């Protein structure tokens, strides 16, 4: 998978595992307001800004990505599990 094109068509999605793909962007995730877990490790992500819009997110794994800045997740008060280790 190389993009999240069309992901906005699933607004009730609560869990998403997009681990080990060729993704370089999370554009479109902001429309998934009910998402509680996101697994996006082992991609080519450098920017995780769209994750900041996921206020119900409890589990996040974006490890093994060349992320430049993890500050977009600092204000996610519901976040219980956070794996943002850089590769």
Protein backbone atom coordinates (compact mmCIF):
# COMPACT_ATOMS: atom_id res chain seq x y z
CA UNK A 1 0.00 0.00 0.00
CA UNK A 2 1.39 3.38 -0.94
CA UNK A 3 -1.36 5.78 0.21
CA UNK A 4 -4.41 6.09 2.43
CA UNK A 5 -6.54 7.37 -0.42
CA UNK A 6 -10.20 6.65 0.31
CA UNK A 7 -9.69 6.05 4.05
CA UNK A 8 -12.16 8.87 4.77
CA UNK A 9 -14.92 6.52 3.56
CA UNK A 10 -14.59 4.58 6.83
CA UNK A 11 -15.36 7.18 9.55
CA UNK A 12 -16.46 4.53 12.09
CA UNK A 13 -13.15 2.66 11.92
CA UNK A 14 -11.72 2.06 15.41
CA UNK A 15 -8.60 -0.04 14.68
CA UNK A 16 -6.17 0.34 11.79
CA UNK A 17 -3.04 -1.68 11.10
CA UNK A 18 -1.01 -0.34 8.19
CA UNK A 19 2.31 -1.76 9.37
CA UNK A 20 5.05 -2.62 6.88
CA UNK A 21 3.86 -0.79 3.77
CA UNK A 22 5.37 1.91 1.60
CA UNK A 23 3.45 4.79 3.21
CA UNK A 24 5.15 8.17 3.37
CA UNK A 25 2.06 10.11 4.49
CA UNK A 26 -0.83 9.76 6.92
CA UNK A 27 -2.96 12.35 5.13
CA UNK A 28 -6.62 11.42 5.50
CA UNK A 29 -6.39 9.94 8.99
CA UNK A 30 -7.83 13.06 10.58
CA UNK A 31 -11.29 12.07 9.37
CA UNK A 32 -11.22 8.89 11.46
CA UNK A 33 -12.47 10.49 14.67
CA UNK A 34 -13.38 7.14 16.31
CA UNK A 35 -9.96 5.55 15.77
CA UNK A 36 -8.61 4.12 19.05
CA UNK A 37 -5.62 2.14 17.80
CA UNK A 38 -3.20 2.82 14.97
CA UNK A 39 -0.32 0.60 13.99
CA UNK A 40 1.81 2.26 11.32
CA UNK A 41 5.30 0.99 12.05
CA UNK A 42 7.84 0.09 9.38
CA UNK A 43 6.79 2.59 6.73
CA UNK A 44 8.51 5.68 5.33
CA UNK A 45 6.74 8.26 7.50
CA UNK A 46 8.57 11.48 8.30
CA UNK A 47 5.54 13.52 9.41
CA UNK A 48 2.84 12.28 11.79
CA UNK A 49 0.90 15.56 12.06
CA UNK A 50 -2.46 13.97 11.03
CA UNK A 51 -2.30 11.81 14.17
CA UNK A 52 -2.76 14.94 16.29
CA UNK A 53 -6.40 15.05 15.15
CA UNK A 54 -7.18 11.61 16.59
CA UNK A 55 -8.42 12.59 20.05
CA UNK A 56 -9.75 9.09 20.89
CA UNK A 57 -6.46 7.34 20.08
CA UNK A 58 -5.32 5.02 22.89
CA UNK A 59 -2.70 2.90 21.13
CA UNK A 60 -0.11 4.17 18.66
CA UNK A 61 2.83 2.45 17.04
CA UNK A 62 4.82 4.42 14.49
CA UNK A 63 8.17 2.81 15.27
CA UNK A 64 10.77 2.14 12.59
CA UNK A 65 9.89 5.23 10.55
CA UNK A 66 12.21 8.18 9.83
CA UNK A 67 9.94 10.60 11.75
CA UNK A 68 11.30 14.13 12.03
CA UNK A 69 9.10 15.38 14.87
CA UNK A 70 6.95 13.50 17.40
CA UNK A 71 5.46 16.62 18.98
CA UNK A 72 2.10 16.18 17.16
CA UNK A 73 1.25 13.40 19.62
CA UNK A 74 2.19 15.28 22.80
CA UNK A 75 -1.36 16.53 23.44
CA UNK A 76 -3.20 13.25 22.86
CA UNK A 77 -4.54 12.81 26.38
CA UNK A 78 -6.20 9.44 25.65
CA UNK A 79 -2.93 7.86 24.49
CA UNK A 80 -2.00 4.90 26.71
CA UNK A 81 0.49 3.01 24.51
CA UNK A 82 2.99 4.92 22.43
CA UNK A 83 5.76 3.32 20.41
CA UNK A 84 7.47 6.03 18.39
CA UNK A 85 10.99 4.64 18.24
CA UNK A 86 12.89 5.92 15.25
CA UNK A 87 14.63 3.59 12.85
